[in-house]
Protein backbone atom coordinates (compact mmCIF):
# COMPACT_ATOMS: atom_id res chain seq x y z
CA UNK A 1 -232.32 89.47 5.31
CA UNK A 2 -230.51 93.04 6.28
CA UNK A 3 -228.90 91.08 9.67
CA UNK A 4 -228.73 87.57 8.32
CA UNK A 5 -226.03 89.60 6.08
CA UNK A 6 -224.06 91.80 8.62
CA UNK A 7 -223.87 88.90 11.42
CA UNK A 8 -222.20 86.60 8.45
CA UNK A 9 -220.22 89.62 8.09
CA UNK A 10 -219.04 90.32 11.53
CA UNK A 11 -218.53 86.53 11.38
CA UNK A 12 -216.31 86.78 8.57
CA UNK A 13 -214.03 89.31 10.10
CA UNK A 14 -213.57 87.85 13.01
CA UNK A 15 -212.75 84.22 11.44
CA UNK A 16 -210.21 86.84 9.21
CA UNK A 17 -208.22 88.84 12.68
CA UNK A 18 -207.45 85.41 14.46
CA UNK A 19 -205.74 83.55 11.19
CA UNK A 20 -204.09 86.82 11.07
CA UNK A 21 -203.21 86.90 14.94
CA UNK A 22 -202.03 83.30 14.66
CA UNK A 23 -199.61 83.71 11.82
CA UNK A 24 -196.16 83.88 12.54
CA UNK A 25 -193.87 86.85 10.99
CA UNK A 26 -192.71 83.93 8.21
CA UNK A 27 -196.53 83.88 7.12
CA UNK A 28 -197.25 80.45 8.08
CA UNK A 29 -199.56 79.48 10.56
CA UNK A 30 -197.22 79.01 13.73
CA UNK A 31 -198.40 75.75 15.74
CA UNK A 32 -195.00 75.15 17.88
CA UNK A 33 -195.16 73.97 20.84
CA UNK A 34 -193.72 76.32 23.45
CA UNK A 35 -190.52 74.46 24.69
CA UNK A 36 -189.72 74.00 28.67
CA UNK A 37 -187.53 75.84 30.26
CA UNK A 38 -184.84 72.58 30.29
CA UNK A 39 -185.61 72.21 26.54
CA UNK A 40 -184.38 75.54 26.07
CA UNK A 41 -181.39 75.15 28.10
CA UNK A 42 -180.47 71.71 26.03
CA UNK A 43 -181.31 73.08 22.79
CA UNK A 44 -180.61 76.96 22.31
CA UNK A 45 -176.99 77.82 20.73
CA UNK A 46 -174.86 79.76 22.48
CA UNK A 47 -174.89 83.12 22.14
CA UNK A 48 -171.35 84.69 19.92
CA UNK A 49 -169.83 87.33 21.57
CA UNK A 50 -167.98 89.25 19.54
CA UNK A 51 -166.80 91.98 21.90
CA UNK A 52 -166.12 92.38 25.48
CA UNK A 53 -168.41 92.09 27.54
CA UNK A 54 -171.26 89.12 29.06
CA UNK A 55 -173.28 86.20 27.41
CA UNK A 56 -175.46 83.95 29.41
CA UNK A 57 -174.41 81.05 27.68
CA UNK A 58 -177.21 78.60 29.67
CA UNK A 59 -179.14 77.75 32.64
CA UNK A 60 -179.31 75.72 35.27
CA UNK A 61 -181.57 72.44 36.66
CA UNK A 62 -183.58 75.41 38.47
CA UNK A 63 -183.52 78.66 35.95
CA UNK A 64 -180.24 79.90 37.54
CA UNK A 65 -178.29 81.72 34.66
CA UNK A 66 -175.25 80.26 33.73
CA UNK A 67 -172.10 83.26 32.60
CA UNK A 68 -169.83 83.64 30.46
CA UNK A 69 -167.61 86.93 31.00
CA UNK A 70 -164.93 87.95 27.92
CA UNK A 71 -162.21 90.29 28.49
CA UNK A 72 -159.79 91.53 24.37
CA UNK A 73 -161.28 91.57 21.42
CA UNK A 74 -157.73 88.83 19.47
CA UNK A 75 -158.49 85.83 17.97
CA UNK A 76 -157.49 83.51 19.87
CA UNK A 77 -159.96 82.65 23.07
CA UNK A 78 -157.89 80.89 26.38
CA UNK A 79 -160.83 79.73 28.19
CA UNK A 80 -161.07 79.92 32.23
CA UNK A 81 -163.91 77.53 34.19
CA UNK A 82 -164.98 77.92 38.15
CA UNK A 83 -167.47 76.46 39.93
CA UNK A 84 -167.68 72.88 38.32
CA UNK A 85 -168.51 71.57 41.76
CA UNK A 86 -170.77 74.43 42.82
CA UNK A 87 -171.51 74.30 46.93
CA UNK A 88 -168.80 71.84 47.49
CA UNK A 89 -165.75 74.11 45.31
CA UNK A 90 -166.81 76.90 46.04
CA UNK A 91 -163.79 78.43 46.15
CA UNK A 92 -162.66 77.36 41.98
CA UNK A 93 -165.73 80.27 41.79
CA UNK A 94 -163.84 82.72 43.60
CA UNK A 95 -160.46 82.44 41.69
CA UNK A 96 -162.56 82.72 39.00
CA UNK A 97 -163.88 86.16 39.88
CA UNK A 98 -160.72 86.92 41.70
CA UNK A 99 -160.22 86.74 38.00
CA UNK A 100 -162.07 88.54 36.58
CA UNK A 101 -161.43 91.30 39.20
CA UNK A 102 -157.50 91.11 37.88
CA UNK A 103 -158.63 91.50 33.80
CA UNK A 104 -160.65 94.30 34.77
CA UNK A 105 -157.77 96.20 36.57
CA UNK A 106 -155.23 95.31 34.05
CA UNK A 107 -156.37 94.91 30.52
CA UNK A 108 -152.99 95.81 29.07
CA UNK A 109 -151.69 92.67 30.45
CA UNK A 110 -153.49 90.82 27.96
CA UNK A 111 -152.07 90.16 24.71
CA UNK A 112 -154.00 92.00 21.49
CA UNK A 113 -154.24 88.50 19.89
CA UNK A 114 -156.26 87.37 22.49
CA UNK A 115 -159.26 87.74 23.89
CA UNK A 116 -159.84 85.62 27.82
CA UNK A 117 -163.20 83.99 28.80
CA UNK A 118 -164.35 83.12 32.35
CA UNK A 119 -167.20 80.71 33.21
CA UNK A 120 -166.53 81.70 37.37
CA UNK A 121 -170.46 79.49 38.25
CA UNK A 122 -170.56 76.38 35.98
CA UNK A 123 -172.95 74.40 38.83
CA UNK A 124 -174.75 77.70 40.08
CA UNK A 125 -177.58 75.71 41.54
CA UNK A 126 -174.92 73.96 43.67
CA UNK A 127 -173.33 77.39 44.47
CA UNK A 128 -176.94 78.72 45.78
CA UNK A 129 -177.10 76.16 47.55
CA UNK A 130 -173.91 77.13 50.21
CA UNK A 131 -174.28 80.63 49.60
CA UNK A 132 -178.12 81.00 49.06
CA UNK A 133 -177.11 83.92 46.94
CA UNK A 134 -177.65 83.80 43.34
CA UNK A 135 -174.51 85.49 41.10
CA UNK A 136 -170.90 86.79 42.41
CA UNK A 137 -170.58 85.90 46.95
CA UNK A 138 -168.30 86.78 49.13
CA UNK A 139 -166.15 83.97 51.39
CA UNK A 140 -168.79 84.75 54.04
CA UNK A 141 -171.64 84.25 52.16
CA UNK A 142 -170.82 80.75 52.49
CA UNK A 143 -172.49 78.12 55.03
CA UNK A 144 -170.15 76.61 57.05
CA UNK A 145 -172.67 73.46 57.34
CA UNK A 146 -170.36 70.24 56.05
CA UNK A 147 -173.38 68.94 55.09
CA UNK A 148 -174.68 71.39 53.00
CA UNK A 149 -172.05 71.64 51.19
CA UNK A 150 -171.23 68.07 49.96
CA UNK A 151 -175.08 68.18 49.17
CA UNK A 152 -173.81 71.15 46.66
CA UNK A 153 -171.76 69.29 44.80
CA UNK A 154 -174.00 68.64 42.43
CA UNK A 155 -176.88 69.58 40.39
CA UNK A 156 -180.38 69.90 41.45
CA UNK A 157 -180.71 66.50 39.70
CA UNK A 158 -178.43 65.69 42.02
CA UNK A 159 -176.05 64.84 39.16
CA UNK A 160 -172.54 65.12 39.34
CA UNK A 161 -171.53 67.34 36.51
CA UNK A 162 -167.81 66.11 36.23
CA UNK A 163 -169.00 63.30 35.91
CA UNK A 164 -171.33 64.28 32.83
CA UNK A 165 -169.04 64.90 30.02
CA UNK A 166 -168.60 62.36 26.48
CA UNK A 167 -164.91 61.14 27.71
CA UNK A 168 -165.17 57.15 29.85
CA UNK A 169 -168.90 58.55 30.86
CA UNK A 170 -170.91 56.04 32.99
CA UNK A 171 -174.35 56.46 34.50
CA UNK A 172 -172.00 55.47 38.06
CA UNK A 173 -169.27 57.34 38.41
CA UNK A 174 -166.65 57.61 41.53
CA UNK A 175 -165.78 60.35 43.92
CA UNK A 176 -163.65 58.65 46.39
CA UNK A 177 -164.94 55.74 47.65
CA UNK A 178 -168.29 57.05 46.80
CA UNK A 179 -170.75 56.53 43.63
CA UNK A 180 -172.39 58.96 42.26
CA UNK A 181 -174.84 60.12 39.47
CA UNK A 182 -173.29 60.75 36.10
CA UNK A 183 -176.52 61.36 34.93
CA UNK A 184 -178.40 59.01 32.24
CA UNK A 185 -176.55 59.75 30.03
CA UNK A 186 -173.44 61.88 28.97
CA UNK A 187 -174.17 65.49 28.83
CA UNK A 188 -178.19 64.69 29.93
CA UNK A 189 -177.39 68.03 32.51
CA UNK A 190 -178.27 71.57 31.40
CA UNK A 191 -175.18 72.43 32.45
CA UNK A 192 -172.99 70.37 30.48
CA UNK A 193 -174.48 70.87 27.71
CA UNK A 194 -174.29 74.62 27.66
CA UNK A 195 -169.76 74.58 28.39
CA UNK A 196 -170.53 71.69 25.46
CA UNK A 197 -172.35 73.80 23.53
CA UNK A 198 -169.58 76.77 24.46
CA UNK A 199 -166.91 74.94 23.60
CA UNK A 200 -167.84 73.72 20.64
CA UNK A 201 -168.71 77.07 19.14
CA UNK A 202 -166.46 78.98 20.14
CA UNK A 203 -163.36 76.34 19.93
CA UNK A 204 -160.74 77.92 23.00
CA UNK A 205 -157.74 77.40 21.86
CA UNK A 206 -156.47 76.25 25.49
CA UNK A 207 -158.75 75.63 28.87
CA UNK A 208 -158.13 76.25 32.25
CA UNK A 209 -160.95 74.55 34.98
CA UNK A 210 -160.10 75.03 38.73
CA UNK A 211 -161.62 71.63 41.55
CA UNK A 212 -160.47 71.55 44.84
CA UNK A 213 -158.96 70.29 46.79
CA UNK A 214 -155.69 68.36 46.27
CA UNK A 215 -152.92 70.78 44.69
CA UNK A 216 -151.68 70.35 41.49
CA UNK A 217 -151.82 70.96 37.45
CA UNK A 218 -153.04 67.29 36.05
CA UNK A 219 -153.59 67.10 32.36
CA UNK A 220 -156.40 65.89 30.62
CA UNK A 221 -156.17 62.54 27.89
CA UNK A 222 -159.00 60.51 26.79
CA UNK A 223 -157.97 57.34 25.38
CA UNK A 224 -155.63 58.34 23.13
CA UNK A 225 -152.46 59.78 25.80
CA UNK A 226 -151.84 63.37 26.52
CA UNK A 227 -151.88 65.60 23.33
CA UNK A 228 -148.59 67.86 22.90
CA UNK A 229 -150.39 70.76 23.58
CA UNK A 230 -151.46 70.05 26.79
CA UNK A 231 -147.76 68.91 27.84
CA UNK A 232 -146.93 71.98 27.09
CA UNK A 233 -149.48 73.78 28.89
CA UNK A 234 -149.17 71.95 31.78
CA UNK A 235 -146.11 72.72 32.46
CA UNK A 236 -146.45 76.33 31.44
CA UNK A 237 -148.46 76.57 33.93
CA UNK A 238 -146.74 74.70 36.64
CA UNK A 239 -143.67 76.43 36.71
CA UNK A 240 -145.06 79.62 36.93
CA UNK A 241 -147.47 78.66 39.81
CA UNK A 242 -145.75 76.42 41.84
CA UNK A 243 -147.90 73.91 41.29
CA UNK A 244 -146.88 70.09 41.32
CA UNK A 245 -147.39 68.80 37.36
CA UNK A 246 -149.70 65.38 36.78
CA UNK A 247 -150.07 63.94 33.99
CA UNK A 248 -153.08 62.36 35.21
CA UNK A 249 -155.40 62.63 37.92
CA UNK A 250 -155.05 58.62 39.10
CA UNK A 251 -156.49 58.36 43.27
CA UNK A 252 -159.73 57.11 42.10
CA UNK A 253 -161.35 56.37 38.73
CA UNK A 254 -163.17 59.11 37.08
CA UNK A 255 -165.14 58.70 34.23
CA UNK A 256 -167.44 61.64 32.30
CA UNK A 257 -164.08 64.23 33.40
CA UNK A 258 -164.28 68.13 31.92
CA UNK A 259 -161.40 68.10 31.04
CA UNK A 260 -160.72 64.65 29.66
CA UNK A 261 -163.54 65.48 26.98
CA UNK A 262 -160.90 68.72 25.94
CA UNK A 263 -158.76 66.30 25.46
CA UNK A 264 -161.45 63.65 22.72
CA UNK A 265 -162.25 67.00 21.41
CA UNK A 266 -158.87 68.33 20.08
CA UNK A 267 -158.02 70.99 23.00
CA UNK A 268 -155.51 71.66 25.45
CA UNK A 269 -157.07 71.40 28.63
CA UNK A 270 -155.80 71.53 32.26
CA UNK A 271 -156.96 70.75 35.92
CA UNK A 272 -156.02 72.67 38.67
CA UNK A 273 -156.70 71.81 42.05
CA UNK A 274 -156.26 74.80 44.42
CA UNK A 275 -154.81 72.62 47.66
CA UNK A 276 -158.02 72.86 50.11
CA UNK A 277 -161.89 74.11 50.14
CA UNK A 278 -161.64 77.43 51.29
CA UNK A 279 -158.58 79.84 49.98
CA UNK A 280 -157.93 80.82 46.41
CA UNK A 281 -154.53 80.76 46.29
CA UNK A 282 -154.39 84.22 43.67
CA UNK A 283 -151.02 84.45 43.55
CA UNK A 284 -149.75 81.22 42.69
CA UNK A 285 -152.85 81.30 40.02
CA UNK A 286 -151.94 85.03 38.64
CA UNK A 287 -148.64 83.67 38.15
CA UNK A 288 -150.02 80.96 36.40
CA UNK A 289 -152.86 82.43 34.42
CA UNK A 290 -150.11 85.72 33.31
CA UNK A 291 -147.54 82.85 32.24
CA UNK A 292 -150.65 81.12 30.01
CA UNK A 293 -151.94 84.70 28.79
CA UNK A 294 -147.68 85.09 28.26
CA UNK A 295 -147.32 82.05 26.20
CA UNK A 296 -150.17 82.18 23.73
CA UNK A 297 -149.47 85.61 22.93
CA UNK A 298 -147.66 86.49 19.57
């Protein structure tokens, strides 16, 4: 009899132990399944960066970090983005890194009412394809293979991320004379979803996105024409940098464009197309950046 009682007590204690181990901090049984890496990248909110520093705002298809770097502590945010076309336009990431170096060395150039955020590698998988590196790279790291560079334009799902935003989105987009994938739907890709979440949660005053290569400053618009502030921003950057200003990119049809989506969100946005695929043209872009910061300074 005593032995049976002991056995019953052991079973009760074991059952209670399992029960309390399974409980979540809220006191409820946690039966939530673990999300997949891609689901986490799509669903996790963009972190709020309260001070100068950096934050991972999302993950690529292959799990690489998409990182935003912030400078200054003002209430008005100006956002700069490079590398959305990855290894095909790797120089756009390098100009973004040059901007980061400039801000590190010239914090006094940031007006007190502004904060500047730089996302240098919006398509880290595409960049890694041609550099074999995660994170910052140099020109010397870039493969000379034109095949690899072309493949590096797309993310690991072979989607052109600049055809994956919600402005006149199409599943089959155009790039020059080629047909490219715009994804299965607008924002189907974790990289574009990370940018969307960041923009919507931080509401920047203006956004500058670098591409290559045509040479020029292109205003954004989505159905309703150019926002007045976008027109002003285009002119400010153009006059300071020496790049010619254009009301639109009309060399061929572009659907699902990130900067045009910004217009739909009522955010001033411009595309800076570098003149080639190898140079950062830093002197020109530095003048444009300084003019933009001066324009938004109080």
